[in-house]
C-alpha atoms as a PDB file:
ATOM      1  CA  UNK A   1       0.000   0.000   0.000  1.00  0.00           C
ATOM      2  CA  UNK A   2       1.354   3.401  -0.968  1.00  0.00           C
ATOM      3  CA  UNK A   3       2.092   5.619   2.030  1.00  0.00           C
ATOM      4  CA  UNK A   4       0.589   9.105   2.241  1.00  0.00           C
ATOM      5  CA  UNK A   5       3.051  11.827   1.252  1.00  0.00           C
ATOM      6  CA  UNK A   6       2.642  15.241   2.874  1.00  0.00           C
ATOM      7  CA  UNK A   7       3.335  18.615   1.311  1.00  0.00           C
ATOM      8  CA  UNK A   8       4.347  21.726   3.265  1.00  0.00           C
ATOM      9  CA  UNK A   9       0.773  23.094   3.441  1.00  0.00           C
ATOM     10  CA  UNK A  10      -0.441  19.812   4.971  1.00  0.00           C
ATOM     11  CA  UNK A  11       2.461  19.742   7.428  1.00  0.00           C
ATOM     12  CA  UNK A  12       1.628  23.284   8.581  1.00  0.00           C
ATOM     13  CA  UNK A  13      -2.007  22.305   8.981  1.00  0.00           C
ATOM     14  CA  UNK A  14      -1.013  19.248  11.016  1.00  0.00           C
ATOM     15  CA  UNK A  15       1.138  21.380  13.316  1.00  0.00           C
ATOM     16  CA  UNK A  16      -1.673  23.884  13.881  1.00  0.00           C
ATOM     17  CA  UNK A  17      -4.263  21.196  14.624  1.00  0.00           C
ATOM     18  CA  UNK A  18      -1.924  19.308  16.974  1.00  0.00           C
ATOM     19  CA  UNK A  19      -1.191  22.488  18.938  1.00  0.00           C
ATOM     20  CA  UNK A  20      -4.896  23.367  19.154  1.00  0.00           C
ATOM     21  CA  UNK A  21      -5.772  19.879  20.364  1.00  0.00           C
ATOM     22  CA  UNK A  22      -2.944  19.900  22.929  1.00  0.00           C
ATOM     23  CA  UNK A  23      -4.238  23.237  24.278  1.00  0.00           C
ATOM     24  CA  UNK A  24      -7.756  21.777  24.528  1.00  0.00           C
ATOM     25  CA  UNK A  25      -6.479  18.693  26.384  1.00  0.00           C
ATOM     26  CA  UNK A  26      -4.468  20.932  28.689  1.00  0.00           C
ATOM     27  CA  UNK A  27      -7.548  23.011  29.497  1.00  0.00           C
ATOM     28  CA  UNK A  28      -9.517  19.877  30.390  1.00  0.00           C
ATOM     29  CA  UNK A  29      -6.625  18.520  32.477  1.00  0.00           C
ATOM     30  CA  UNK A  30      -6.513  21.785  34.446  1.00  0.00           C
ATOM     31  CA  UNK A  31     -10.233  21.548  35.253  1.00  0.00           C
ATOM     32  CA  UNK A  32      -9.854  17.936  36.399  1.00  0.00           C
ATOM     33  CA  UNK A  33      -6.887  18.864  38.591  1.00  0.00           C
ATOM     34  CA  UNK A  34      -8.834  21.710  40.178  1.00  0.00           C
ATOM     35  CA  UNK A  35     -11.608  19.200  40.938  1.00  0.00           C
ATOM     36  CA  UNK A  36      -9.011  16.893  42.575  1.00  0.00           C
ATOM     37  CA  UNK A  37      -9.387  14.212  39.917  1.00  0.00           C
ATOM     38  CA  UNK A  38      -5.632  13.736  39.847  1.00  0.00           C
ATOM     39  CA  UNK A  39      -5.358  10.434  37.966  1.00  0.00           C
ATOM     40  CA  UNK A  40      -7.499  11.638  35.067  1.00  0.00           C
ATOM     41  CA  UNK A  41      -5.768  15.013  35.081  1.00  0.00           C
ATOM     42  CA  UNK A  42      -2.443  13.203  34.750  1.00  0.00           C
ATOM     43  CA  UNK A  43      -3.794  11.169  31.818  1.00  0.00           C
ATOM     44  CA  UNK A  44      -4.845  14.252  29.848  1.00  0.00           C
ATOM     45  CA  UNK A  45      -1.651  16.162  30.702  1.00  0.00           C
ATOM     46  CA  UNK A  46       0.366  13.235  29.400  1.00  0.00           C
ATOM     47  CA  UNK A  47      -1.753  12.940  26.241  1.00  0.00           C
ATOM     48  CA  UNK A  48      -1.376  16.680  25.588  1.00  0.00           C
ATOM     49  CA  UNK A  49       2.398  16.185  25.747  1.00  0.00           C
ATOM     50  CA  UNK A  50       2.127  13.236  23.341  1.00  0.00           C
ATOM     51  CA  UNK A  51       0.084  15.433  20.997  1.00  0.00           C
ATOM     52  CA  UNK A  52       2.609  18.274  21.115  1.00  0.00           C
ATOM     53  CA  UNK A  53       5.424  15.775  20.453  1.00  0.00           C
ATOM     54  CA  UNK A  54       3.952  15.350  16.964  1.00  0.00           C
ATOM     55  CA  UNK A  55       5.171  18.884  16.230  1.00  0.00           C
ATOM     56  CA  UNK A  56       8.831  17.862  16.322  1.00  0.00           C
ATOM     57  CA  UNK A  57       8.027  14.907  14.045  1.00  0.00           C
ATOM     58  CA  UNK A  58       6.231  17.137  11.542  1.00  0.00           C
ATOM     59  CA  UNK A  59       8.961  19.768  11.806  1.00  0.00           C
ATOM     60  CA  UNK A  60      11.632  17.243  10.850  1.00  0.00           C
ATOM     61  CA  UNK A  61       9.559  15.956   7.932  1.00  0.00           C
ATOM     62  CA  UNK A  62       9.028  19.543   6.777  1.00  0.00           C
ATOM     63  CA  UNK A  63      12.763  20.219   6.899  1.00  0.00           C
ATOM     64  CA  UNK A  64      13.452  16.999   4.983  1.00  0.00           C
ATOM     65  CA  UNK A  65      10.991  18.084   2.323  1.00  0.00           C
ATOM     66  CA  UNK A  66      12.551  21.549   2.041  1.00  0.00           C
ATOM     67  CA  UNK A  67      16.133  20.218   1.690  1.00  0.00           C
ATOM     68  CA  UNK A  68      14.958  17.677  -0.888  1.00  0.00           C
ATOM     69  CA  UNK A  69      16.001  14.788   1.343  1.00  0.00           C
ATOM     70  CA  UNK A  70      14.496  11.337   0.894  1.00  0.00           C
ATOM     71  CA  UNK A  71      11.682  10.842   3.420  1.00  0.00           C
ATOM     72  CA  UNK A  72      10.916   7.347   4.721  1.00  0.00           C
ATOM     73  CA  UNK A  73       7.155   7.841   4.834  1.00  0.00           C
ATOM     74  CA  UNK A  74       6.411   4.289   5.973  1.00  0.00           C
ATOM     75  CA  UNK A  75       8.627   4.751   9.036  1.00  0.00           C
ATOM     76  CA  UNK A  76       7.221   8.239   9.687  1.00  0.00           C
ATOM     77  CA  UNK A  77       3.579   7.128   9.778  1.00  0.00           C
ATOM     78  CA  UNK A  78       4.395   4.145  11.976  1.00  0.00           C
ATOM     79  CA  UNK A  79       6.122   6.426  14.479  1.00  0.00           C
ATOM     80  CA  UNK A  80       3.396   9.060  14.242  1.00  0.00           C
ATOM     81  CA  UNK A  81       0.846   6.566  15.622  1.00  0.00           C
ATOM     82  CA  UNK A  82       3.068   4.878  18.211  1.00  0.00           C
ATOM     83  CA  UNK A  83       2.727   6.040  21.846  1.00  0.00           C
ATOM     84  CA  UNK A  84       6.293   5.269  22.899  1.00  0.00           C
ATOM     85  CA  UNK A  85       7.695   7.045  19.860  1.00  0.00           C
ATOM     86  CA  UNK A  86       5.665  10.104  20.801  1.00  0.00           C
ATOM     87  CA  UNK A  87       7.206   9.987  24.290  1.00  0.00           C
ATOM     88  CA  UNK A  88      10.643   9.716  22.678  1.00  0.00           C
ATOM     89  CA  UNK A  89       9.847  12.771  20.583  1.00  0.00           C
ATOM     90  CA  UNK A  90       8.975  14.631  23.745  1.00  0.00           C
ATOM     91  CA  UNK A  91      12.698  14.472  24.543  1.00  0.00           C
ATOM     92  CA  UNK A  92      13.104  17.010  21.720  1.00  0.00           C
ATOM     93  CA  UNK A  93      11.316  19.580  23.902  1.00  0.00           C
ATOM     94  CA  UNK A  94      12.842  18.317  27.177  1.00  0.00           C
ATOM     95  CA  UNK A  95      16.314  18.979  25.799  1.00  0.00           C
ATOM     96  CA  UNK A  96      15.134  22.333  24.447  1.00  0.00           C
ATOM     97  CA  UNK A  97      14.009  23.316  27.948  1.00  0.00           C
ATOM     98  CA  UNK A  98      17.178  21.977  29.576  1.00  0.00           C
ATOM     99  CA  UNK A  99      19.075  25.187  28.869  1.00  0.00           C
ATOM    100  CA  UNK A 100      16.663  27.044  31.165  1.00  0.00           C
ATOM    101  CA  UNK A 101      16.702  24.532  34.076  1.00  0.00           C
ATOM    102  CA  UNK A 102      19.529  24.848  36.582  1.00  0.00           C
ATOM    103  CA  UNK A 103      21.169  21.519  37.368  1.00  0.00           C
ATOM    104  CA  UNK A 104      19.454  19.551  34.591  1.00  0.00           C
ATOM    105  CA  UNK A 105      21.720  16.637  33.664  1.00  0.00           C
ATOM    106  CA  UNK A 106      21.328  16.261  29.895  1.00  0.00           C
ATOM    107  CA  UNK A 107      23.890  13.445  29.722  1.00  0.00           C
ATOM    108  CA  UNK A 108      21.996  11.401  32.332  1.00  0.00           C
ATOM    109  CA  UNK A 109      18.686  12.057  30.571  1.00  0.00           C
ATOM    110  CA  UNK A 110      19.958  10.855  27.192  1.00  0.00           C
ATOM    111  CA  UNK A 111      21.739   7.814  28.659  1.00  0.00           C
ATOM    112  CA  UNK A 112      18.609   6.793  30.614  1.00  0.00           C
ATOM    113  CA  UNK A 113      16.042   7.813  28.014  1.00  0.00           C
ATOM    114  CA  UNK A 114      14.721   4.287  27.462  1.00  0.00           C
ATOM    115  CA  UNK A 115      14.028   3.825  31.181  1.00  0.00           C
ATOM    116  CA  UNK A 116      12.331   7.227  31.337  1.00  0.00           C
ATOM    117  CA  UNK A 117      10.190   6.407  28.299  1.00  0.00           C
ATOM    118  CA  UNK A 118       9.081   3.040  29.686  1.00  0.00           C
ATOM    119  CA  UNK A 119       8.292   4.506  33.103  1.00  0.00           C
ATOM    120  CA  UNK A 120       6.244   7.375  31.683  1.00  0.00           C
ATOM    121  CA  UNK A 121       4.293   5.044  29.400  1.00  0.00           C
ATOM    122  CA  UNK A 122       3.538   2.727  32.325  1.00  0.00           C
ATOM    123  CA  UNK A 123       2.439   5.633  34.511  1.00  0.00           C
ATOM    124  CA  UNK A 124       0.117   6.902  31.789  1.00  0.00           C
ATOM    125  CA  UNK A 125      -1.512   3.458  31.583  1.00  0.00           C
ATOM    126  CA  UNK A 126      -1.712   3.241  35.375  1.00  0.00           C
ATOM    127  CA  UNK A 127      -3.471   6.614  35.481  1.00  0.00           C
ATOM    128  CA  UNK A 128      -6.236   5.268  33.251  1.00  0.00           C
ATOM    129  CA  UNK A 129      -6.673   1.532  33.837  1.00  0.00           C
ATOM    130  CA  UNK A 130      -7.029  -0.840  36.773  1.00  0.00           C
ATOM    131  CA  UNK A 131      -3.721  -2.674  37.214  1.00  0.00           C
ATOM    132  CA  UNK A 132      -2.298  -5.704  39.004  1.00  0.00           C
ATOM    133  CA  UNK A 133       1.008  -5.780  40.881  1.00  0.00           C
ATOM    134  CA  UNK A 134       1.384  -9.556  41.282  1.00  0.00           C
ATOM    135  CA  UNK A 135      -0.498  -9.586  44.553  1.00  0.00           C
ATOM    136  CA  UNK A 136      -3.616  -7.455  44.180  1.00  0.00           C
ATOM    137  CA  UNK A 137      -5.492  -5.156  41.835  1.00  0.00           C
ATOM    138  CA  UNK A 138      -5.170  -1.402  42.223  1.00  0.00           C
ATOM    139  CA  UNK A 139      -7.089   1.572  40.879  1.00  0.00           C
ATOM    140  CA  UNK A 140      -5.577   4.606  39.114  1.00  0.00           C
ATOM    141  CA  UNK A 141      -6.292   7.007  41.990  1.00  0.00           C
ATOM    142  CA  UNK A 142      -4.020   4.959  44.271  1.00  0.00           C
ATOM    143  CA  UNK A 143      -1.087   5.344  41.847  1.00  0.00           C
ATOM    144  CA  UNK A 144      -1.397   8.935  40.639  1.00  0.00           C
ATOM    145  CA  UNK A 145      -1.735  11.385  43.516  1.00  0.00           C
ATOM    146  CA  UNK A 146      -1.420  15.166  43.800  1.00  0.00           C
ATOM    147  CA  UNK A 147       2.348  15.480  43.341  1.00  0.00           C
ATOM    148  CA  UNK A 148       2.590  13.425  40.133  1.00  0.00           C
ATOM    149  CA  UNK A 149      -0.467  15.090  38.616  1.00  0.00           C
ATOM    150  CA  UNK A 150       0.805  18.558  39.530  1.00  0.00           C
ATOM    151  CA  UNK A 151       4.252  17.946  38.046  1.00  0.00           C
ATOM    152  CA  UNK A 152       2.864  16.525  34.785  1.00  0.00           C
ATOM    153  CA  UNK A 153       0.398  19.404  34.455  1.00  0.00           C
ATOM    154  CA  UNK A 154       3.130  22.000  35.002  1.00  0.00           C
ATOM    155  CA  UNK A 155       5.379  20.378  32.419  1.00  0.00           C
ATOM    156  CA  UNK A 156       2.502  20.029  29.943  1.00  0.00           C
ATOM    157  CA  UNK A 157       1.618  23.710  30.323  1.00  0.00           C
ATOM    158  CA  UNK A 158       5.217  24.819  29.844  1.00  0.00           C
ATOM    159  CA  UNK A 159       5.696  22.604  26.783  1.00  0.00           C
ATOM    160  CA  UNK A 160       2.403  23.299  25.021  1.00  0.00           C
ATOM    161  CA  UNK A 161       2.482  27.064  25.611  1.00  0.00           C
ATOM    162  CA  UNK A 162       6.123  27.294  24.487  1.00  0.00           C
ATOM    163  CA  UNK A 163       5.512  25.352  21.275  1.00  0.00           C
ATOM    164  CA  UNK A 164       2.389  27.403  20.518  1.00  0.00           C
ATOM    165  CA  UNK A 165       4.435  30.601  20.929  1.00  0.00           C
ATOM    166  CA  UNK A 166       7.056  29.520  18.371  1.00  0.00           C
ATOM    167  CA  UNK A 167       4.645  28.123  15.767  1.00  0.00           C
ATOM    168  CA  UNK A 168       5.271  31.002  13.361  1.00  0.00           C
ATOM    169  CA  UNK A 169       9.037  30.557  13.730  1.00  0.00           C
ATOM    170  CA  UNK A 170       8.626  26.928  12.684  1.00  0.00           C
ATOM    171  CA  UNK A 171       6.558  27.962   9.689  1.00  0.00           C
ATOM    172  CA  UNK A 172       9.211  30.531   8.745  1.00  0.00           C
ATOM    173  CA  UNK A 173      11.728  27.679   8.445  1.00  0.00           C
ATOM    174  CA  UNK A 174       9.552  26.118   5.745  1.00  0.00           C
ATOM    175  CA  UNK A 175       9.825  29.333   3.719  1.00  0.00           C
ATOM    176  CA  UNK A 176      13.606  28.998   3.425  1.00  0.00           C
ATOM    177  CA  UNK A 177      15.143  27.297   0.423  1.00  0.00           C
ATOM    178  CA  UNK A 178      17.406  24.244   0.539  1.00  0.00           C
ATOM    179  CA  UNK A 179      20.690  26.145   0.675  1.00  0.00           C
ATOM    180  CA  UNK A 180      19.502  28.479   3.451  1.00  0.00           C
ATOM    181  CA  UNK A 181      18.423  25.552   5.605  1.00  0.00           C
ATOM    182  CA  UNK A 182      21.589  23.557   5.006  1.00  0.00           C
ATOM    183  CA  UNK A 183      23.720  26.554   6.036  1.00  0.00           C
ATOM    184  CA  UNK A 184      21.941  26.549   9.418  1.00  0.00           C
ATOM    185  CA  UNK A 185      23.487  23.151  10.224  1.00  0.00           C
ATOM    186  CA  UNK A 186      27.023  23.696   8.887  1.00  0.00           C
ATOM    187  CA  UNK A 187      28.476  24.325  12.364  1.00  0.00           C
ATOM    188  CA  UNK A 188      27.466  20.845  13.587  1.00  0.00           C
ATOM    189  CA  UNK A 189      30.219  18.284  14.077  1.00  0.00           C
ATOM    190  CA  UNK A 190      30.533  15.737  11.225  1.00  0.00           C
ATOM    191  CA  UNK A 191      27.927  17.687   9.287  1.00  0.00           C
ATOM    192  CA  UNK A 192      26.801  16.659   5.822  1.00  0.00           C
ATOM    193  CA  UNK A 193      23.474  16.646   4.069  1.00  0.00           C
ATOM    194  CA  UNK A 194      23.459  12.853   4.288  1.00  0.00           C
ATOM    195  CA  UNK A 195      23.956  12.798   8.081  1.00  0.00           C
ATOM    196  CA  UNK A 196      21.279  15.476   8.487  1.00  0.00           C
ATOM    197  CA  UNK A 197      18.790  13.456   6.418  1.00  0.00           C
ATOM    198  CA  UNK A 198      19.574  10.363   8.489  1.00  0.00           C
ATOM    199  CA  UNK A 199      19.074  12.299  11.746  1.00  0.00           C
ATOM    200  CA  UNK A 200      15.774  13.815  10.612  1.00  0.00           C
ATOM    201  CA  UNK A 201      14.451  10.415   9.478  1.00  0.00           C
ATOM    202  CA  UNK A 202      15.695   8.327  12.396  1.00  0.00           C
ATOM    203  CA  UNK A 203      15.751  10.682  15.388  1.00  0.00           C
ATOM    204  CA  UNK A 204      14.011   8.148  17.679  1.00  0.00           C
ATOM    205  CA  UNK A 205      16.496   5.352  16.992  1.00  0.00           C
ATOM    206  CA  UNK A 206      19.442   7.716  17.390  1.00  0.00           C
ATOM    207  CA  UNK A 207      18.176   9.037  20.755  1.00  0.00           C
ATOM    208  CA  UNK A 208      17.616   5.565  22.210  1.00  0.00           C
ATOM    209  CA  UNK A 209      20.673   3.833  20.691  1.00  0.00           C
END
């Protein structure tokens, strides 16, 4: 089956809709938190972060399109629908924020990214479904309490609002031609168009390898 191929107009539309949906989820999460429904608030905060993680995926595909790099559309669409891959893509924004957080250990985060991803995915599931720990069943409200819900909501707000604020800057990148975009990456170590294309296509595998 032929995979869907996106043009720049569709990519921009996808970014706008993903941001709008993340803002809507964030609004609902805030209301649930205020009503002390912490497990469900956590779920929607997490999902809003997953939704906003699509922006980095679409951004990379847009850049690939603009530099006339070969896009692996089959891999892209598989990742676009996969929950763990969306959590991996959230690391794009985590590392973006790192420069503003005193004491954030980027090296530790990258080296332990797979553990972080698995833990966050498990916690999201535990915030929504009844689970079993080998001895007894437990309900979501016994796993996700105030502190976890508050932290996830704060991070979701920071991420979603930040990405929404730079949406036009992302769109401006798509207005640059191939040579302009390639010049932006020339200062990177071991830079070449081929390595850039590989990074943009296989970011998730590179982060977790």
